[in-house]
Amino acid sequence: MGTYNLDTTTKAELHSEAQKLIAKYGSPVDAVEALMAYNCELETQILAIAHRYPGLVAISFDHTHPTVA
């Protein structure tokens, strides 16, 4: 994975989105749990697509990013 250096505007936008999530879920822990659940759902969908269409998506379990053919 790479390191991203964000500009001031982007950092402010991300901070604003984080505040909205915390307000929506009531606490930072609840917000993180909701994001983790969402991430797991996305990963499950990607794996299902990769299984159904093996020529479309190549999944690797090392430090490289998934590739789309």
C-alpha atoms as a PDB file:
ATOM      1  CA  MET A   1       0.000   0.000   0.000  1.00  0.00           C
ATOM      2  CA  GLY A   2       1.098   3.528  -0.654  1.00  0.00           C
ATOM      3  CA  THR A   3       1.151   6.645   1.455  1.00  0.00           C
ATOM      4  CA  TYR A   4      -1.070   9.503   0.390  1.00  0.00           C
ATOM      5  CA  ASN A   5      -0.170  13.105   1.185  1.00  0.00           C
ATOM      6  CA  LEU A   6      -3.387  15.085   1.187  1.00  0.00           C
ATOM      7  CA  ASP A   7      -3.716  18.785   0.578  1.00  0.00           C
ATOM      8  CA  THR A   8      -5.414  21.054   3.118  1.00  0.00           C
ATOM      9  CA  THR A   9      -8.766  21.113   1.294  1.00  0.00           C
ATOM     10  CA  THR A  10      -8.942  17.325   1.053  1.00  0.00           C
ATOM     11  CA  LYS A  11      -8.002  16.929   4.712  1.00  0.00           C
ATOM     12  CA  ALA A  12     -10.801  19.324   5.665  1.00  0.00           C
ATOM     13  CA  GLU A  13     -13.303  17.379   3.535  1.00  0.00           C
ATOM     14  CA  LEU A  14     -12.269  14.077   5.114  1.00  0.00           C
ATOM     15  CA  HIS A  15     -12.492  15.576   8.591  1.00  0.00           C
ATOM     16  CA  SER A  16     -15.988  16.872   7.806  1.00  0.00           C
ATOM     17  CA  GLU A  17     -17.078  13.435   6.557  1.00  0.00           C
ATOM     18  CA  ALA A  18     -15.644  11.815   9.689  1.00  0.00           C
ATOM     19  CA  GLN A  19     -17.599  14.226  11.881  1.00  0.00           C
ATOM     20  CA  LYS A  20     -20.800  13.392   9.972  1.00  0.00           C
ATOM     21  CA  LEU A  21     -20.222   9.658  10.468  1.00  0.00           C
ATOM     22  CA  ILE A  22     -19.531  10.071  14.174  1.00  0.00           C
ATOM     23  CA  ALA A  23     -22.698  12.171  14.536  1.00  0.00           C
ATOM     24  CA  LYS A  24     -24.694   9.560  12.619  1.00  0.00           C
ATOM     25  CA  TYR A  25     -23.475   6.594  14.645  1.00  0.00           C
ATOM     26  CA  GLY A  26     -23.084   8.277  18.019  1.00  0.00           C
ATOM     27  CA  SER A  27     -19.435   7.496  18.673  1.00  0.00           C
ATOM     28  CA  PRO A  28     -16.163   7.037  16.790  1.00  0.00           C
ATOM     29  CA  VAL A  29     -16.174   3.311  17.663  1.00  0.00           C
ATOM     30  CA  ASP A  30     -19.661   2.818  16.193  1.00  0.00           C
ATOM     31  CA  ALA A  31     -18.635   4.720  13.059  1.00  0.00           C
ATOM     32  CA  VAL A  32     -15.529   2.557  12.613  1.00  0.00           C
ATOM     33  CA  GLU A  33     -17.574  -0.622  13.125  1.00  0.00           C
ATOM     34  CA  ALA A  34     -20.057   0.521  10.469  1.00  0.00           C
ATOM     35  CA  LEU A  35     -17.238   1.307   8.039  1.00  0.00           C
ATOM     36  CA  MET A  36     -15.613  -2.063   8.693  1.00  0.00           C
ATOM     37  CA  ALA A  37     -18.906  -3.861   8.018  1.00  0.00           C
ATOM     38  CA  TYR A  38     -19.318  -1.891   4.794  1.00  0.00           C
ATOM     39  CA  ASN A  39     -15.759  -2.724   3.756  1.00  0.00           C
ATOM     40  CA  CYS A  40     -16.363  -6.438   4.427  1.00  0.00           C
ATOM     41  CA  GLU A  41     -19.485  -6.318   2.256  1.00  0.00           C
ATOM     42  CA  LEU A  42     -17.519  -4.727  -0.595  1.00  0.00           C
ATOM     43  CA  GLU A  43     -14.766  -7.328  -0.275  1.00  0.00           C
ATOM     44  CA  THR A  44     -17.352 -10.112  -0.349  1.00  0.00           C
ATOM     45  CA  GLN A  45     -18.885  -8.699  -3.524  1.00  0.00           C
ATOM     46  CA  ILE A  46     -15.459  -8.402  -5.187  1.00  0.00           C
ATOM     47  CA  LEU A  47     -14.623 -12.008  -4.287  1.00  0.00           C
ATOM     48  CA  ALA A  48     -17.982 -13.178  -5.636  1.00  0.00           C
ATOM     49  CA  ILE A  49     -17.345 -11.376  -8.941  1.00  0.00           C
ATOM     50  CA  ALA A  50     -13.817 -12.803  -9.101  1.00  0.00           C
ATOM     51  CA  HIS A  51     -15.157 -16.312  -8.513  1.00  0.00           C
ATOM     52  CA  ARG A  52     -17.914 -15.955 -11.102  1.00  0.00           C
ATOM     53  CA  TYR A  53     -15.743 -14.216 -13.717  1.00  0.00           C
ATOM     54  CA  PRO A  54     -12.157 -15.414 -13.155  1.00  0.00           C
ATOM     55  CA  GLY A  55     -10.893 -13.685 -16.314  1.00  0.00           C
ATOM     56  CA  LEU A  56     -12.167 -10.295 -15.172  1.00  0.00           C
ATOM     57  CA  VAL A  57     -10.540  -9.887 -11.743  1.00  0.00           C
ATOM     58  CA  ALA A  58      -7.286 -11.332 -10.437  1.00  0.00           C
ATOM     59  CA  ILE A  59      -7.095 -11.497  -6.650  1.00  0.00           C
ATOM     60  CA  SER A  60      -3.720 -11.767  -4.960  1.00  0.00           C
ATOM     61  CA  PHE A  61      -2.961 -12.049  -1.285  1.00  0.00           C
ATOM     62  CA  ASP A  62       0.344 -10.236  -1.245  1.00  0.00           C
ATOM     63  CA  HIS A  63       1.058  -6.500  -1.085  1.00  0.00           C
ATOM     64  CA  THR A  64       0.083  -5.813  -4.697  1.00  0.00           C
ATOM     65  CA  HIS A  65      -3.224  -4.212  -5.597  1.00  0.00           C
ATOM     66  CA  PRO A  66      -6.018  -6.228  -7.257  1.00  0.00           C
ATOM     67  CA  THR A  67      -5.900  -5.916 -11.020  1.00  0.00           C
ATOM     68  CA  VAL A  68      -8.776  -5.634 -13.439  1.00  0.00           C
ATOM     69  CA  ALA A  69      -8.184  -7.139 -16.876  1.00  0.00           C
END
